[in-house]
Amino acid sequence: MLGLIQSAVSHATVLDLTPSAVSHSVRGSEAKVGAVLFERGRGGATPTPAGERAVALGRRILRMCEVLGAEVRGAGRGAVEGVLRIVAFRSAALHLLPPALERLTARHPGIRPEVRVVREIGAGAAGEVAAGRADLGIATLGGSQEVTPGLLTGVLAQEAYRLVHPAGHPDPKGLPLMDWDENCGSHTRSWWRSQERIPRATVKAEDDAMVLTTVGRGLGMAIMPELSLREATEAVDITHLGPGGPVRQVGYVTTAESASTLAVRALIRELRSEKG
């Protein structure tokens, strides 16, 4: 059913189906599930929320069929194997995942990790997992990032934010405040607003790496989480914000069905080992 639903959007020609055959198939699928999956209009068909949910669940079902095959084949050899699809925001992909993946693949050489970097904007990493495009995501938990109901999460790290400013600058708090779209925790924003000495963000950058480089050039200051500051150079100084400063939680996100698979369970163990 998933293939027919997706073909209704853009792949009818590839599948050698006529528009009427596609429409008939989609109507049949809608009758089976008891919901309208596409809104039809002059510009074509667009998926309804029910249609998007059907596609996401279909992807997850097909993925579990793939995992079933990998786990059954591995069971005969006492091995854990197969592709493991992971998504993470940039600094987590750089600093949290590599040591965990190094241990994972050393213990289970048959696991083949595929890592994609996604921006923590909108649905972010959790949205990729919910949509069936990833088995596990590393995401920011809490704040303004609401995890889709039904997903399983676990905290891996709680990191404090720091003030980062040009090294040796005589008045760093007089510089413009830099920010980037992914720095979106609501608790962090609330903390910023309560600080009289910190101006509103006046410079926007694409990501945290660009913020850090720009600060090092003397063009501003920033409030940044510890993971991002692992890339700091001698061009910047880092100042603690005190016990009342903002923090964020970084954790894993997965589905109930993926959490039961051997590869995902093994990765979670390694991620938790890194935490410990």
Foldseek 3Di string as FASTA:
>chain_A
DLVLLVCQQPPCVVVVHDNVRSVVVQVVVCVVVVHRQWDQDPVGTDGDPVVLQVNLVVLQVVVVVVLVVQVVVCVVVVARADEAEEEEADLCVVPQPPVLVVVLCVVGVRYHYDYDHWAQDDQTRLVCQSSNNHAKYKHWDAAPHDHDPQKDKDFLDKWFKWKKAFPPDPCQLVAAEEDEDSVHGNVQVVVQVVDPSHDDHDHYDHDLVVVLVCRLVRRHMYTGTPSSCVPHDNRMDIGHPDPPGDIITIIMIGHPSSCPRPSNVSSNVSSNVVSD
